[in-house]
Amino acid sequence: KASGGPDGSVFVAQGVPAMTLHQDGSDYFDYHHTPNDTLD
């Protein structure tokens, strides 16, 4: 049921095959869209 990612989902909606490599997002939303989304 891969989405292909957010942008990839636009292609999937048109029948394009997709693959998704899922990352561990346990702490991703600690930083998402904040000033704390930095290189460190």
Full PDB file with SEQRES, HELIX, SHEET, SSBOND, CRYST1, ORIGX, SCALE, CONECT and MASTER records, all heavy atoms in Angstrom:
SEQRES   1 A   40  LYS ALA SER GLY GLY PRO ASP GLY SER VAL PHE VAL ALA          
SEQRES   2 A   40  GLN GLY VAL PRO ALA MET THR LEU HIS GLN ASP GLY SER          
SEQRES   3 A   40  ASP TYR PHE ASP TYR HIS HIS THR PRO ASN ASP THR LEU          
SEQRES   4 A   40  ASP                                                          
HELIX    1 AA1 GLY A    8  VAL A   12  1                                   5    
HELIX    2 AA2 TYR A   28  TYR A   31  1                                   4    
CRYST1    1.000    1.000    1.000  90.00  90.00  90.00 P 1           1          
ORIGX1      1.000000  0.000000  0.000000        0.00000                         
ORIGX2      0.000000  1.000000  0.000000        0.00000                         
ORIGX3      0.000000  0.000000  1.000000        0.00000                         
SCALE1      1.000000  0.000000  0.000000        0.00000                         
SCALE2      0.000000  1.000000  0.000000        0.00000                         
SCALE3      0.000000  0.000000  1.000000        0.00000                         
ATOM      1  N   LYS A   1       0.821  -1.208   0.000  1.00  0.00           N  
ATOM      2  CA  LYS A   1       0.000   0.000   0.000  1.00  0.00           C  
ATOM      3  C   LYS A   1       0.860   1.265   0.000  1.00  0.00           C  
ATOM      4  O   LYS A   1       0.461   2.304   0.529  1.00  0.00           O  
ATOM      5  CB  LYS A   1      -0.928   0.003   1.207  1.00  0.00           C  
ATOM      6  CG  LYS A   1      -1.882  -1.184   1.266  1.00  0.00           C  
ATOM      7  CD  LYS A   1      -2.731  -1.156   2.522  1.00  0.00           C  
ATOM      8  CE  LYS A   1      -3.656  -2.363   2.588  1.00  0.00           C  
ATOM      9  NZ  LYS A   1      -4.467  -2.386   3.849  1.00  0.00           N  
ATOM     10  N   ALA A   2       2.043   1.182  -0.586  1.00  0.00           N  
ATOM     11  CA  ALA A   2       2.954   2.321  -0.581  1.00  0.00           C  
ATOM     12  C   ALA A   2       2.317   3.548  -1.227  1.00  0.00           C  
ATOM     13  O   ALA A   2       1.664   3.452  -2.262  1.00  0.00           O  
ATOM     14  CB  ALA A   2       4.240   1.964  -1.332  1.00  0.00           C  
ATOM     15  N   SER A   3       2.537   4.684  -0.606  1.00  0.00           N  
ATOM     16  CA  SER A   3       2.041   5.951  -1.164  1.00  0.00           C  
ATOM     17  C   SER A   3       3.052   6.576  -2.111  1.00  0.00           C  
ATOM     18  O   SER A   3       2.702   7.427  -2.927  1.00  0.00           O  
ATOM     19  CB  SER A   3       1.742   6.943  -0.042  1.00  0.00           C  
ATOM     20  OG  SER A   3       2.948   7.395   0.560  1.00  0.00           O  
ATOM     21  N   GLY A   4       4.321   6.175  -1.966  1.00  0.00           N  
ATOM     22  CA  GLY A   4       5.375   6.813  -2.745  1.00  0.00           C  
ATOM     23  C   GLY A   4       5.845   8.119  -2.151  1.00  0.00           C  
ATOM     24  O   GLY A   4       6.711   8.789  -2.713  1.00  0.00           O  
ATOM     25  N   GLY A   5       5.307   8.506  -0.973  1.00  0.00           N  
ATOM     26  CA  GLY A   5       5.629   9.794  -0.368  1.00  0.00           C  
ATOM     27  C   GLY A   5       4.577  10.826  -0.718  1.00  0.00           C  
ATOM     28  O   GLY A   5       3.737  10.608  -1.596  1.00  0.00           O  
ATOM     29  N   PRO A   6       4.596  11.992  -0.058  1.00  0.00           N  
ATOM     30  CA  PRO A   6       3.564  13.011  -0.325  1.00  0.00           C  
ATOM     31  C   PRO A   6       3.469  13.411  -1.793  1.00  0.00           C  
ATOM     32  O   PRO A   6       2.395  13.351  -2.397  1.00  0.00           O  
ATOM     33  CB  PRO A   6       4.004  14.181   0.565  1.00  0.00           C  
ATOM     34  CG  PRO A   6       4.746  13.531   1.686  1.00  0.00           C  
ATOM     35  CD  PRO A   6       5.479  12.375   1.062  1.00  0.00           C  
ATOM     36  N   ASP A   7       4.582  13.835  -2.378  1.00  0.00           N  
ATOM     37  CA  ASP A   7       4.542  14.191  -3.801  1.00  0.00           C  
ATOM     38  C   ASP A   7       4.304  12.963  -4.657  1.00  0.00           C  
ATOM     39  O   ASP A   7       3.587  13.017  -5.663  1.00  0.00           O  
ATOM     40  CB  ASP A   7       5.848  14.866  -4.209  1.00  0.00           C  
ATOM     41  CG  ASP A   7       6.010  16.243  -3.608  1.00  0.00           C  
ATOM     42  OD1 ASP A   7       5.151  17.101  -3.848  1.00  0.00           O  
ATOM     43  OD2 ASP A   7       7.000  16.472  -2.883  1.00  0.00           O  
ATOM     44  N   GLY A   8       4.891  11.832  -4.266  1.00  0.00           N  
ATOM     45  CA  GLY A   8       4.694  10.597  -5.018  1.00  0.00           C  
ATOM     46  C   GLY A   8       3.249  10.161  -5.080  1.00  0.00           C  
ATOM     47  O   GLY A   8       2.821   9.513  -6.043  1.00  0.00           O  
ATOM     48  N   SER A   9       2.475  10.527  -4.059  1.00  0.00           N  
ATOM     49  CA  SER A   9       1.075  10.115  -4.029  1.00  0.00           C  
ATOM     50  C   SER A   9       0.280  10.688  -5.200  1.00  0.00           C  
ATOM     51  O   SER A   9      -0.727  10.114  -5.618  1.00  0.00           O  
ATOM     52  CB  SER A   9       0.427  10.539  -2.705  1.00  0.00           C  
ATOM     53  OG  SER A   9       0.307  11.960  -2.626  1.00  0.00           O  
ATOM     54  N   VAL A  10       0.732  11.824  -5.736  1.00  0.00           N  
ATOM     55  CA  VAL A  10       0.054  12.425  -6.892  1.00  0.00           C  
ATOM     56  C   VAL A  10       0.216  11.520  -8.113  1.00  0.00           C  
ATOM     57  O   VAL A  10      -0.692  11.397  -8.943  1.00  0.00           O  
ATOM     58  CB  VAL A  10       0.611  13.838  -7.158  1.00  0.00           C  
ATOM     59  CG1 VAL A  10      -0.120  14.492  -8.325  1.00  0.00           C  
ATOM     60  CG2 VAL A  10       0.482  14.707  -5.907  1.00  0.00           C  
ATOM     61  N   PHE A  11       1.359  10.870  -8.223  1.00  0.00           N  
ATOM     62  CA  PHE A  11       1.607   9.925  -9.322  1.00  0.00           C  
ATOM     63  C   PHE A  11       0.832   8.629  -9.086  1.00  0.00           C  
ATOM     64  O   PHE A  11       0.254   8.061 -10.019  1.00  0.00           O  
ATOM     65  CB  PHE A  11       3.100   9.619  -9.425  1.00  0.00           C  
ATOM     66  CG  PHE A  11       3.947  10.788  -9.822  1.00  0.00           C  
ATOM     67  CD1 PHE A  11       4.300  11.764  -8.892  1.00  0.00           C  
ATOM     68  CD2 PHE A  11       4.403  10.922 -11.114  1.00  0.00           C  
ATOM     69  CE1 PHE A  11       5.090  12.846  -9.257  1.00  0.00           C  
ATOM     70  CE2 PHE A  11       5.194  12.003 -11.494  1.00  0.00           C  
ATOM     71  CZ  PHE A  11       5.534  12.972 -10.552  1.00  0.00           C  
ATOM     72  N   VAL A  12       0.838   8.151  -7.853  1.00  0.00           N  
ATOM     73  CA  VAL A  12       0.119   6.921  -7.509  1.00  0.00           C  
ATOM     74  C   VAL A  12      -1.360   7.058  -7.854  1.00  0.00           C  
ATOM     75  O   VAL A  12      -2.004   6.105  -8.311  1.00  0.00           O  
ATOM     76  CB  VAL A  12       0.317   6.587  -6.016  1.00  0.00           C  
ATOM     77  CG1 VAL A  12      -0.647   5.490  -5.566  1.00  0.00           C  
ATOM     78  CG2 VAL A  12       1.758   6.142  -5.771  1.00  0.00           C  
ATOM     79  N   ALA A  13      -1.906   8.245  -7.651  1.00  0.00           N  
ATOM     80  CA  ALA A  13      -3.314   8.473  -7.971  1.00  0.00           C  
ATOM     81  C   ALA A  13      -3.611   8.276  -9.453  1.00  0.00           C  
ATOM     82  O   ALA A  13      -4.764   8.077  -9.841  1.00  0.00           O  
ATOM     83  CB  ALA A  13      -3.725   9.889  -7.552  1.00  0.00           C  
ATOM     84  N   GLN A  14      -2.571   8.285 -10.270  1.00  0.00           N  
ATOM     85  CA  GLN A  14      -2.728   8.074 -11.713  1.00  0.00           C  
ATOM     86  C   GLN A  14      -2.295   6.670 -12.125  1.00  0.00           C  
ATOM     87  O   GLN A  14      -2.182   6.390 -13.325  1.00  0.00           O  
ATOM     88  CB  GLN A  14      -1.907   9.116 -12.479  1.00  0.00           C  
ATOM     89  CG  GLN A  14      -2.311  10.552 -12.194  1.00  0.00           C  
ATOM     90  CD  GLN A  14      -3.754  10.843 -12.544  1.00  0.00           C  
ATOM     91  OE1 GLN A  14      -4.242  10.412 -13.585  1.00  0.00           O  
ATOM     92  NE2 GLN A  14      -4.447  11.567 -11.678  1.00  0.00           N  
ATOM     93  N   GLY A  15      -2.034   5.797 -11.160  1.00  0.00           N  
ATOM     94  CA  GLY A  15      -1.711   4.412 -11.469  1.00  0.00           C  
ATOM     95  C   GLY A  15      -0.245   4.093 -11.609  1.00  0.00           C  
ATOM     96  O   GLY A  15       0.115   2.975 -12.003  1.00  0.00           O  
ATOM     97  N   VAL A  16       0.637   5.038 -11.283  1.00  0.00           N  
ATOM     98  CA  VAL A  16       2.077   4.783 -11.380  1.00  0.00           C  
ATOM     99  C   VAL A  16       2.509   3.882 -10.223  1.00  0.00           C  
ATOM    100  O   VAL A  16       2.165   4.152  -9.064  1.00  0.00           O  
ATOM    101  CB  VAL A  16       2.868   6.107 -11.349  1.00  0.00           C  
ATOM    102  CG1 VAL A  16       4.373   5.836 -11.351  1.00  0.00           C  
ATOM    103  CG2 VAL A  16       2.478   6.985 -12.532  1.00  0.00           C  
ATOM    104  N   PRO A  17       3.248   2.804 -10.475  1.00  0.00           N  
ATOM    105  CA  PRO A  17       3.753   1.950  -9.384  1.00  0.00           C  
ATOM    106  C   PRO A  17       4.647   2.746  -8.440  1.00  0.00           C  
ATOM    107  O   PRO A  17       5.324   3.701  -8.861  1.00  0.00           O  
ATOM    108  CB  PRO A  17       4.551   0.869 -10.118  1.00  0.00           C  
ATOM    109  CG  PRO A  17       3.988   0.848 -11.498  1.00  0.00           C  
ATOM    110  CD  PRO A  17       3.612   2.267 -11.801  1.00  0.00           C  
ATOM    111  N   ALA A  18       4.666   2.349  -7.180  1.00  0.00           N  
ATOM    112  CA  ALA A  18       5.437   3.089  -6.181  1.00  0.00           C  
ATOM    113  C   ALA A  18       6.126   2.149  -5.217  1.00  0.00           C  
ATOM    114  O   ALA A  18       5.684   1.014  -5.003  1.00  0.00           O  
ATOM    115  CB  ALA A  18       4.525   4.043  -5.414  1.00  0.00           C  
ATOM    116  N   MET A  19       7.200   2.654  -4.633  1.00  0.00           N  
ATOM    117  CA  MET A  19       7.875   1.985  -3.526  1.00  0.00           C  
ATOM    118  C   MET A  19       8.152   3.029  -2.456  1.00  0.00           C  
ATOM    119  O   MET A  19       8.366   4.206  -2.775  1.00  0.00           O  
ATOM    120  CB  MET A  19       9.170   1.328  -3.991  1.00  0.00           C  
ATOM    121  CG  MET A  19       8.957   0.187  -4.967  1.00  0.00           C  
ATOM    122  SD  MET A  19      10.508  -0.584  -5.473  1.00  0.00           S  
ATOM    123  CE  MET A  19       9.861  -1.909  -6.533  1.00  0.00           C  
ATOM    124  N   THR A  20       8.130   2.605  -1.197  1.00  0.00           N  
ATOM    125  CA  THR A  20       8.384   3.514  -0.087  1.00  0.00           C  
ATOM    126  C   THR A  20       9.354   2.872   0.884  1.00  0.00           C  
ATOM    127  O   THR A  20       9.137   1.744   1.330  1.00  0.00           O  
ATOM    128  CB  THR A  20       7.083   3.871   0.654  1.00  0.00           C  
ATOM    129  OG1 THR A  20       6.192   4.549  -0.244  1.00  0.00           O  
ATOM    130  CG2 THR A  20       7.370   4.779   1.845  1.00  0.00           C  
ATOM    131  N   LEU A  21      10.420   3.594   1.192  1.00  0.00           N  
ATOM    132  CA  LEU A  21      11.370   3.189   2.221  1.00  0.00           C  
ATOM    133  C   LEU A  21      11.064   4.018   3.460  1.00  0.00           C  
ATOM    134  O   LEU A  21      11.351   5.215   3.507  1.00  0.00           O  
ATOM    135  CB  LEU A  21      12.806   3.425   1.732  1.00  0.00           C  
ATOM    136  CG  LEU A  21      13.266   2.477   0.615  1.00  0.00           C  
ATOM    137  CD1 LEU A  21      14.516   3.023  -0.076  1.00  0.00           C  
ATOM    138  CD2 LEU A  21      13.516   1.074   1.153  1.00  0.00           C  
ATOM    139  N   HIS A  22      10.448   3.379   4.452  1.00  0.00           N  
ATOM    140  CA  HIS A  22       9.973   4.094   5.637  1.00  0.00           C  
ATOM    141  C   HIS A  22      11.114   4.355   6.622  1.00  0.00           C  
ATOM    142  O   HIS A  22      11.809   3.433   7.050  1.00  0.00           O  
ATOM    143  CB  HIS A  22       8.901   3.285   6.357  1.00  0.00           C  
ATOM    144  CG  HIS A  22       7.591   3.229   5.651  1.00  0.00           C  
ATOM    145  ND1 HIS A  22       6.644   4.219   5.742  1.00  0.00           N  
ATOM    146  CD2 HIS A  22       7.060   2.291   4.823  1.00  0.00           C  
ATOM    147  CE1 HIS A  22       5.588   3.893   5.013  1.00  0.00           C  
ATOM    148  NE2 HIS A  22       5.820   2.736   4.439  1.00  0.00           N  
ATOM    149  N   GLN A  23      11.247   5.620   6.990  1.00  0.00           N  
ATOM    150  CA  GLN A  23      12.218   5.990   8.023  1.00  0.00           C  
ATOM    151  C   GLN A  23      11.574   5.932   9.402  1.00  0.00           C  
ATOM    152  O   GLN A  23      10.349   6.031   9.537  1.00  0.00           O  
ATOM    153  CB  GLN A  23      12.740   7.402   7.754  1.00  0.00           C  
ATOM    154  CG  GLN A  23      13.559   7.508   6.475  1.00  0.00           C  
ATOM    155  CD  GLN A  23      13.561   8.918   5.915  1.00  0.00           C  
ATOM    156  OE1 GLN A  23      12.505   9.498   5.660  1.00  0.00           O  
ATOM    157  NE2 GLN A  23      14.733   9.478   5.710  1.00  0.00           N  
ATOM    158  N   ASP A  24      12.399   5.794  10.407  1.00  0.00           N  
ATOM    159  CA  ASP A  24      11.923   5.847  11.792  1.00  0.00           C  
ATOM    160  C   ASP A  24      11.595   7.301  12.111  1.00  0.00           C  
ATOM    161  O   ASP A  24      12.475   8.155  12.189  1.00  0.00           O  
ATOM    162  CB  ASP A  24      13.006   5.321  12.738  1.00  0.00           C  
ATOM    163  CG  ASP A  24      12.515   5.175  14.169  1.00  0.00           C  
ATOM    164  OD1 ASP A  24      11.634   5.966  14.595  1.00  0.00           O  
ATOM    165  OD2 ASP A  24      13.007   4.283  14.874  1.00  0.00           O  
ATOM    166  N   GLY A  25      10.319   7.577  12.283  1.00  0.00           N  
ATOM    167  CA  GLY A  25       9.878   8.946  12.527  1.00  0.00           C  
ATOM    168  C   GLY A  25       9.500   9.212  13.972  1.00  0.00           C  
ATOM    169  O   GLY A  25       8.715  10.121  14.237  1.00  0.00           O  
ATOM    170  N   SER A  26      10.068   8.446  14.892  1.00  0.00           N  
ATOM    171  CA  SER A  26       9.685   8.572  16.300  1.00  0.00           C  
ATOM    172  C   SER A  26       9.840   9.994  16.819  1.00  0.00           C  
ATOM    173  O   SER A  26       9.026  10.459  17.618  1.00  0.00           O  
ATOM    174  CB  SER A  26      10.513   7.613  17.159  1.00  0.00           C  
ATOM    175  OG  SER A  26      10.283   6.276  16.789  1.00  0.00           O  
ATOM    176  N   ASP A  27      10.902  10.685  16.400  1.00  0.00           N  
ATOM    177  CA  ASP A  27      11.106  12.050  16.898  1.00  0.00           C  
ATOM    178  C   ASP A  27      10.956  13.111  15.808  1.00  0.00           C  
ATOM    179  O   ASP A  27      11.196  14.288  16.053  1.00  0.00           O  
ATOM    180  CB  ASP A  27      12.475  12.182  17.567  1.00  0.00           C  
ATOM    181  CG  ASP A  27      13.638  11.994  16.593  1.00  0.00           C  
ATOM    182  OD1 ASP A  27      13.386  11.652  15.415  1.00  0.00           O  
ATOM    183  OD2 ASP A  27      14.798  12.180  17.007  1.00  0.00           O  
ATOM    184  N   TYR A  28      10.541  12.713  14.617  1.00  0.00           N  
ATOM    185  CA  TYR A  28      10.447  13.648  13.496  1.00  0.00           C  
ATOM    186  C   TYR A  28       9.539  14.831  13.818  1.00  0.00           C  
ATOM    187  O   TYR A  28       9.862  15.991  13.518  1.00  0.00           O  
ATOM    188  CB  TYR A  28       9.942  12.897  12.260  1.00  0.00           C  
ATOM    189  CG  TYR A  28       9.734  13.737  11.028  1.00  0.00           C  
ATOM    190  CD1 TYR A  28      10.808  14.303  10.352  1.00  0.00           C  
ATOM    191  CD2 TYR A  28       8.453  13.966  10.522  1.00  0.00           C  
ATOM    192  CE1 TYR A  28      10.624  15.063   9.199  1.00  0.00           C  
ATOM    193  CE2 TYR A  28       8.258  14.714   9.368  1.00  0.00           C  
ATOM    194  CZ  TYR A  28       9.352  15.258   8.722  1.00  0.00           C  
ATOM    195  OH  TYR A  28       9.150  16.010   7.579  1.00  0.00           O  
ATOM    196  N   PHE A  29       8.421  14.555  14.450  1.00  0.00           N  
ATOM    197  CA  PHE A  29       7.453  15.620  14.727  1.00  0.00           C  
ATOM    198  C   PHE A  29       7.776  16.406  15.993  1.00  0.00           C  
ATOM    199  O   PHE A  29       7.016  17.282  16.389  1.00  0.00           O  
ATOM    200  CB  PHE A  29       6.037  15.046  14.764  1.00  0.00           C  
ATOM    201  CG  PHE A  29       5.541  14.639  13.407  1.00  0.00           C  
ATOM    202  CD1 PHE A  29       5.501  13.308  13.036  1.00  0.00           C  
ATOM    203  CD2 PHE A  29       5.154  15.590  12.478  1.00  0.00           C  
ATOM    204  CE1 PHE A  29       5.068  12.930  11.776  1.00  0.00           C  
ATOM    205  CE2 PHE A  29       4.717  15.222  11.214  1.00  0.00           C  
ATOM    206  CZ  PHE A  29       4.671  13.890  10.859  1.00  0.00           C  
ATOM    207  N   ASP A  30       8.939  16.125  16.591  1.00  0.00           N  
ATOM    208  CA  ASP A  30       9.449  17.027  17.620  1.00  0.00           C  
ATOM    209  C   ASP A  30       9.979  18.311  16.980  1.00  0.00           C  
ATOM    210  O   ASP A  30       9.982  19.370  17.612  1.00  0.00           O  
ATOM    211  CB  ASP A  30      10.595  16.376  18.399  1.00  0.00           C  
ATOM    212  CG  ASP A  30      10.139  15.257  19.314  1.00  0.00           C  
ATOM    213  OD1 ASP A  30       8.914  15.027  19.431  1.00  0.00           O  
ATOM    214  OD2 ASP A  30      11.004  14.587  19.910  1.00  0.00           O  
ATOM    215  N   TYR A  31      10.439  18.199  15.734  1.00  0.00           N  
ATOM    216  CA  TYR A  31      11.125  19.307  15.063  1.00  0.00           C  
ATOM    217  C   TYR A  31      10.373  19.867  13.862  1.00  0.00           C  
ATOM    218  O   TYR A  31      10.663  20.988  13.414  1.00  0.00           O  
ATOM    219  CB  TYR A  31      12.507  18.827  14.582  1.00  0.00           C  
ATOM    220  CG  TYR A  31      13.284  18.099  15.640  1.00  0.00           C  
ATOM    221  CD1 TYR A  31      13.533  16.732  15.538  1.00  0.00           C  
ATOM    222  CD2 TYR A  31      13.758  18.775  16.768  1.00  0.00           C  
ATOM    223  CE1 TYR A  31      14.245  16.058  16.522  1.00  0.00           C  
ATOM    224  CE2 TYR A  31      14.464  18.108  17.759  1.00  0.00           C  
ATOM    225  CZ  TYR A  31      14.703  16.750  17.629  1.00  0.00           C  
ATOM    226  OH  TYR A  31      15.390  16.090  18.609  1.00  0.00           O  
ATOM    227  N   HIS A  32       9.440  19.123  13.357  1.00  0.00           N  
ATOM    228  CA  HIS A  32       8.720  19.410  12.117  1.00  0.00           C  
ATOM    229  C   HIS A  32       8.115  20.811  12.115  1.00  0.00           C  
ATOM    230  O   HIS A  32       7.351  21.176  13.011  1.00  0.00           O  
ATOM    231  CB  HIS A  32       7.612  18.351  11.985  1.00  0.00           C  
ATOM    232  CG  HIS A  32       6.785  18.394  10.768  1.00  0.00           C  
ATOM    233  ND1 HIS A  32       5.463  18.787  10.774  1.00  0.00           N  
ATOM    234  CD2 HIS A  32       7.064  18.063   9.488  1.00  0.00           C  
ATOM    235  CE1 HIS A  32       4.959  18.680   9.570  1.00  0.00           C  
ATOM    236  NE2 HIS A  32       5.906  18.246   8.758  1.00  0.00           N  
ATOM    237  N   HIS A  33       8.507  21.629  11.128  1.00  0.00           N  
ATOM    238  CA  HIS A  33       7.934  22.962  10.922  1.00  0.00           C  
ATOM    239  C   HIS A  33       8.215  23.920  12.078  1.00  0.00           C  
ATOM    240  O   HIS A  33       7.415  24.825  12.351  1.00  0.00           O  
ATOM    241  CB  HIS A  33       6.419  22.879  10.680  1.00  0.00           C  
ATOM    242  CG  HIS A  33       6.048  22.185   9.418  1.00  0.00           C  
ATOM    243  ND1 HIS A  33       4.731  22.061   8.994  1.00  0.00           N  
ATOM    244  CD2 HIS A  33       6.792  21.568   8.458  1.00  0.00           C  
ATOM    245  CE1 HIS A  33       4.703  21.402   7.851  1.00  0.00           C  
ATOM    246  NE2 HIS A  33       5.942  21.091   7.508  1.00  0.00           N  
ATOM    247  N   THR A  34       9.346  23.735  12.752  1.00  0.00           N  
ATOM    248  CA  THR A  34       9.724  24.635  13.851  1.00  0.00           C  
ATOM    249  C   THR A  34      11.084  25.265  13.579  1.00  0.00           C  
ATOM    250  O   THR A  34      11.836  24.805  12.713  1.00  0.00           O  
ATOM    251  CB  THR A  34       9.819  23.888  15.201  1.00  0.00           C  
ATOM    252  OG1 THR A  34      11.007  23.081  15.205  1.00  0.00           O  
ATOM    253  CG2 THR A  34       8.599  23.024  15.454  1.00  0.00           C  
ATOM    254  N   PRO A  35      11.462  26.289  14.364  1.00  0.00           N  
ATOM    255  CA  PRO A  35      12.827  26.823  14.269  1.00  0.00           C  
ATOM    256  C   PRO A  35      13.891  25.784  14.617  1.00  0.00           C  
ATOM    257  O   PRO A  35      15.072  25.987  14.337  1.00  0.00           O  
ATOM    258  CB  PRO A  35      12.817  27.967  15.296  1.00  0.00           C  
ATOM    259  CG  PRO A  35      11.388  28.365  15.417  1.00  0.00           C  
ATOM    260  CD  PRO A  35      10.612  27.086  15.273  1.00  0.00           C  
ATOM    261  N   ASN A  36      13.465  24.671  15.226  1.00  0.00           N  
ATOM    262  CA  ASN A  36      14.398  23.640  15.681  1.00  0.00           C  
ATOM    263  C   ASN A  36      14.723  22.614  14.598  1.00  0.00           C  
ATOM    264  O   ASN A  36      15.450  21.649  14.860  1.00  0.00           O  
ATOM    265  CB  ASN A  36      13.810  22.925  16.906  1.00  0.00           C  
ATOM    266  CG  ASN A  36      14.861  22.578  17.936  1.00  0.00           C  
ATOM    267  OD1 ASN A  36      15.990  23.032  17.855  1.00  0.00           O  
ATOM    268  ND2 ASN A  36      14.487  21.779  18.903  1.00  0.00           N  
ATOM    269  N   ASP A  37      14.195  22.795  13.378  1.00  0.00           N  
ATOM    270  CA  ASP A  37      14.542  21.904  12.267  1.00  0.00           C  
ATOM    271  C   ASP A  37      15.859  22.389  11.670  1.00  0.00           C  
ATOM    272  O   ASP A  37      15.891  23.153  10.712  1.00  0.00           O  
ATOM    273  CB  ASP A  37      13.429  21.891  11.215  1.00  0.00           C  
ATOM    274  CG  ASP A  37      13.749  20.972  10.034  1.00  0.00           C  
ATOM    275  OD1 ASP A  37      14.827  20.325  10.060  1.00  0.00           O  
ATOM    276  OD2 ASP A  37      12.942  20.902   9.095  1.00  0.00           O  
ATOM    277  N   THR A  38      16.953  21.918  12.253  1.00  0.00           N  
ATOM    278  CA  THR A  38      18.289  22.392  11.908  1.00  0.00           C  
ATOM    279  C   THR A  38      19.250  21.222  11.730  1.00  0.00           C  
ATOM    280  O   THR A  38      18.948  20.079  12.094  1.00  0.00           O  
ATOM    281  CB  THR A  38      18.815  23.342  12.993  1.00  0.00           C  
ATOM    282  OG1 THR A  38      18.623  22.729  14.282  1.00  0.00           O  
ATOM    283  CG2 THR A  38      18.070  24.674  12.984  1.00  0.00           C  
ATOM    284  N   LEU A  39      20.418  21.521  11.197  1.00  0.00           N  
ATOM    285  CA  LEU A  39      21.378  20.498  10.771  1.00  0.00           C  
ATOM    286  C   LEU A  39      21.812  19.563  11.894  1.00  0.00           C  
ATOM    287  O   LEU A  39      22.090  18.382  11.646  1.00  0.00           O  
ATOM    288  CB  LEU A  39      22.600  21.176  10.150  1.00  0.00           C  
ATOM    289  CG  LEU A  39      23.683  20.262   9.587  1.00  0.00           C  
ATOM    290  CD1 LEU A  39      23.149  19.430   8.429  1.00  0.00           C  
ATOM    291  CD2 LEU A  39      24.900  21.083   9.157  1.00  0.00           C  
ATOM    292  N   ASP A  40      21.885  20.061  13.113  1.00  0.00           N  
ATOM    293  CA  ASP A  40      22.363  19.226  14.224  1.00  0.00           C  
ATOM    294  C   ASP A  40      21.442  18.040  14.510  1.00  0.00           C  
ATOM    295  O   ASP A  40      21.839  17.108  15.223  1.00  0.00           O  
ATOM    296  CB  ASP A  40      22.516  20.059  15.496  1.00  0.00           C  
ATOM    297  CG  ASP A  40      21.242  20.795  15.871  1.00  0.00           C  
ATOM    298  OD1 ASP A  40      20.755  21.599  15.049  1.00  0.00           O  
ATOM    299  OD2 ASP A  40      20.721  20.561  16.974  1.00  0.00           O  
TER     300      ASP A  40                                                      
MASTER        0    0    0    2    0    0    0    6  299    1    0    4          
END                                                                             
